[in-house]
Amino acid sequence: MYDIAIIGAGTAGGSAAVFAAKAGKKTIVIDSGKSMTKRALILNHYGIEEIAGPELIEIGQKQAANFGAEIVQDTVVNVTKTENGLKVEGESGTYEAKHVILATGALATLAEKIGVNTKDGTEPRIKTIVDVGLDGKTNIDGIWAAGTVAGVSVHTIITAGDGAKVAINVISELNGERYVDHDVLKN
């Protein structure tokens, strides 16, 4: 069983995976390969002069994998409660986790299907978003949401920050105390 299953490997899901795996949580990222960022040219990401969306996602996935995250290509079709957590059903496999982070970008259809509360979106072309608290929690225990699907701006640097925030909140809940990830330069 995974500690955290992240659905979506765009900037929100990818950054959540980096933080979760770096914190030593058994993490899986299930990605359909349909991220909006895969069609983007990014010229406004702080610290990066210019990067193609597919390259940004690839670097993020490598970073998460280097910390121990497992990344699989699959399309999630359902999430259900189990006795010990949540069952994530994909077209190609089934995965079990204590927590699930929905990072499905512009798509809220999975959230709606599994009973997560949604509301009207606020970003252009984003019609429906997941109704989350400030911590990223949804109305279903153990299911969280981050990034654009959670109402955050579609900008990659903002969704990455939101994915990191939600992952830290999940890690904190798993640990039973507030988790802080802050590295320092080595002399």
Protein backbone atom coordinates (compact mmCIF):
# COMPACT_ATOMS: atom_id res chain seq x y z
CA MET A 1 0.00 0.00 0.00
CA TYR A 2 1.22 3.46 -0.88
CA ASP A 3 1.15 6.33 1.59
CA ILE A 4 0.18 8.75 -1.18
CA ALA A 5 -1.20 8.18 -4.67
CA ILE A 6 -1.10 11.26 -6.87
CA ILE A 7 -3.34 11.36 -9.91
CA GLY A 8 -1.72 13.59 -12.50
CA ALA A 9 1.94 14.43 -13.14
CA GLY A 10 1.70 18.03 -14.28
CA THR A 11 3.29 20.73 -12.17
CA ALA A 12 0.95 20.32 -9.17
CA GLY A 13 1.10 16.52 -9.12
CA GLY A 14 4.80 16.43 -9.93
CA SER A 15 5.73 18.86 -7.17
CA ALA A 16 3.52 16.97 -4.71
CA ALA A 17 5.41 13.80 -5.68
CA VAL A 18 8.80 15.45 -5.15
CA PHE A 19 7.89 16.55 -1.63
CA ALA A 20 6.11 13.31 -0.69
CA ALA A 21 8.89 11.02 -1.91
CA LYS A 22 11.62 13.23 -0.45
CA ALA A 23 9.85 12.96 2.92
CA GLY A 24 10.18 9.18 2.68
CA LYS A 25 6.52 8.51 1.95
CA LYS A 26 5.79 5.60 -0.37
CA THR A 27 4.49 7.56 -3.35
CA ILE A 28 2.99 6.66 -6.69
CA VAL A 29 2.12 9.09 -9.46
CA ILE A 30 -0.49 7.87 -11.93
CA ASP A 31 -0.46 9.96 -15.08
CA SER A 32 -2.55 9.80 -18.24
CA GLY A 33 -0.07 11.92 -20.21
CA LYS A 34 -2.65 14.63 -20.97
CA SER A 35 -1.26 17.53 -18.92
CA MET A 36 -1.97 21.06 -20.17
CA THR A 37 1.68 21.82 -19.50
CA LYS A 38 2.71 19.38 -22.24
CA ARG A 39 1.40 21.97 -24.74
CA ALA A 40 3.01 25.01 -23.09
CA LEU A 41 6.06 27.13 -23.75
CA ILE A 42 6.99 28.61 -20.39
CA LEU A 43 8.67 32.01 -20.39
CA ASN A 44 7.58 33.26 -16.96
CA HIS A 45 8.69 30.53 -14.53
CA TYR A 46 10.89 32.09 -11.87
CA GLY A 47 14.49 30.92 -12.15
CA ILE A 48 14.04 29.43 -15.63
CA GLU A 49 14.49 31.70 -18.64
CA GLU A 50 12.60 29.45 -21.05
CA ILE A 51 11.48 25.85 -21.03
CA ALA A 52 9.10 23.72 -23.05
CA GLY A 53 6.28 22.20 -21.02
CA PRO A 54 7.14 18.59 -21.88
CA GLU A 55 10.73 19.16 -20.73
CA LEU A 56 9.57 20.75 -17.45
CA ILE A 57 7.33 17.74 -16.75
CA GLU A 58 10.08 15.28 -17.66
CA ILE A 59 12.56 16.99 -15.32
CA GLY A 60 9.97 17.03 -12.52
CA GLN A 61 9.19 13.34 -12.97
CA LYS A 62 12.91 12.47 -12.90
CA GLN A 63 13.31 14.54 -9.74
CA ALA A 64 10.39 12.74 -8.05
CA ALA A 65 11.70 9.34 -9.20
CA ASN A 66 15.15 10.17 -7.84
CA PHE A 67 13.54 10.60 -4.42
CA GLY A 68 11.78 7.24 -4.81
CA ALA A 69 8.39 8.06 -6.32
CA GLU A 70 7.00 5.42 -8.66
CA ILE A 71 5.56 6.91 -11.84
CA VAL A 72 3.14 4.91 -13.97
CA GLN A 73 1.24 5.70 -17.15
CA ASP A 74 -2.42 4.87 -16.61
CA THR A 75 -5.79 6.57 -16.76
CA VAL A 76 -7.62 6.51 -13.44
CA VAL A 77 -11.30 5.63 -13.79
CA ASN A 78 -12.41 5.35 -10.16
CA VAL A 79 -11.40 5.85 -6.53
CA THR A 80 -13.24 4.05 -3.72
CA LYS A 81 -12.89 3.77 0.04
CA THR A 82 -11.53 0.53 1.47
CA GLU A 83 -11.13 -0.73 5.01
CA ASN A 84 -7.54 0.58 5.14
CA GLY A 85 -7.60 3.56 2.80
CA LEU A 86 -8.44 4.12 -0.84
CA LYS A 87 -8.43 1.95 -3.96
CA VAL A 88 -7.42 3.74 -7.15
CA GLU A 89 -8.61 1.92 -10.25
CA GLY A 90 -6.86 2.59 -13.52
CA GLU A 91 -7.48 1.20 -16.98
CA SER A 92 -4.28 -0.85 -16.61
CA GLY A 93 -4.03 -1.53 -12.89
CA THR A 94 -5.29 -1.04 -9.35
CA TYR A 95 -3.38 0.80 -6.63
CA GLU A 96 -4.06 1.19 -2.89
CA ALA A 97 -3.09 4.22 -0.84
CA LYS A 98 -3.77 5.88 2.49
CA HIS A 99 -4.22 9.25 0.77
CA VAL A 100 -4.97 10.40 -2.77
CA ILE A 101 -4.11 13.79 -4.25
CA LEU A 102 -6.16 14.76 -7.29
CA ALA A 103 -3.93 16.88 -9.55
CA THR A 104 -5.91 16.43 -12.75
CA GLY A 105 -5.48 19.94 -14.13
CA ALA A 106 -8.47 21.20 -16.09
CA LEU A 107 -10.42 17.97 -15.63
CA ALA A 108 -12.80 17.55 -12.69
CA THR A 109 -14.74 14.63 -14.18
CA LEU A 110 -13.01 11.99 -12.02
CA ALA A 111 -13.66 14.07 -8.89
CA GLU A 112 -17.34 14.37 -9.79
CA LYS A 113 -17.59 10.64 -10.50
CA ILE A 114 -16.16 9.64 -7.11
CA GLY A 115 -18.37 12.02 -5.13
CA VAL A 116 -15.95 14.85 -4.42
CA ASN A 117 -17.77 18.16 -4.10
CA THR A 118 -17.17 20.54 -7.00
CA LYS A 119 -18.11 24.09 -7.86
CA ASP A 120 -17.89 26.52 -10.76
CA GLY A 121 -14.37 27.36 -11.89
CA THR A 122 -12.90 30.86 -11.85
CA GLU A 123 -10.14 30.53 -14.48
CA PRO A 124 -10.87 31.02 -18.17
CA ARG A 125 -11.93 27.73 -19.83
CA ILE A 126 -11.96 25.89 -16.47
CA LYS A 127 -15.66 25.21 -15.98
CA THR A 128 -15.60 23.02 -12.85
CA ILE A 129 -13.16 22.73 -9.93
CA VAL A 130 -12.93 20.68 -6.77
CA ASP A 131 -14.24 22.37 -3.64
CA VAL A 132 -11.29 22.22 -1.23
CA GLY A 133 -10.28 23.81 2.04
CA LEU A 134 -7.14 25.93 2.32
CA ASP A 135 -5.19 22.77 3.18
CA GLY A 136 -6.33 20.97 0.00
CA LYS A 137 -8.75 18.57 1.72
CA THR A 138 -11.95 17.59 -0.06
CA ASN A 139 -15.22 16.42 1.46
CA ILE A 140 -14.00 12.80 1.34
CA ASP A 141 -11.56 11.77 4.06
CA GLY A 142 -8.18 10.91 2.55
CA ILE A 143 -8.82 12.63 -0.79
CA TRP A 144 -7.08 15.93 -1.41
CA ALA A 145 -6.80 18.16 -4.49
CA ALA A 146 -4.07 20.47 -5.75
CA GLY A 147 -3.43 22.78 -8.66
CA THR A 148 -5.83 23.91 -11.33
CA VAL A 149 -8.47 21.29 -10.49
CA ALA A 150 -8.51 22.80 -6.98
CA GLY A 151 -9.11 26.30 -8.30
CA VAL A 152 -5.49 27.45 -8.44
CA SER A 153 -4.34 29.55 -11.39
CA VAL A 154 -3.20 27.57 -14.42
CA HIS A 155 0.29 29.09 -14.21
CA THR A 156 2.90 26.38 -13.66
CA ILE A 157 4.85 28.07 -10.89
CA ILE A 158 1.65 28.62 -8.90
CA THR A 159 0.32 25.10 -9.40
CA ALA A 160 3.73 23.66 -8.45
CA GLY A 161 3.61 25.64 -5.21
CA ASP A 162 0.09 24.42 -4.51
CA GLY A 163 1.08 20.81 -5.15
CA ALA A 164 3.97 21.20 -2.72
CA LYS A 165 1.66 22.80 -0.12
CA VAL A 166 -0.90 20.01 -0.33
CA ALA A 167 1.81 17.32 -0.18
CA ILE A 168 3.27 18.92 2.96
CA ASN A 169 -0.21 18.93 4.52
CA VAL A 170 -0.69 15.23 3.69
CA ILE A 171 2.80 14.39 5.02
CA SER A 172 1.99 16.32 8.21
CA GLU A 173 -1.22 14.34 8.66
CA LEU A 174 0.60 11.03 8.07
CA ASN A 175 3.34 12.02 10.54
CA GLY A 176 0.97 13.37 13.18
CA GLU A 177 2.94 16.63 13.40
CA ARG A 178 3.75 19.58 11.16
CA TYR A 179 6.34 18.65 8.52
CA VAL A 180 8.87 21.17 7.20
CA ASP A 181 11.16 20.55 4.21
CA HIS A 182 14.01 23.01 4.11
CA ASP A 183 17.45 22.13 2.79
CA VAL A 184 20.60 24.17 3.41
CA LEU A 185 23.70 24.61 1.33
CA LYS A 186 26.52 22.21 2.10
CA ASN A 187 29.87 23.84 2.87
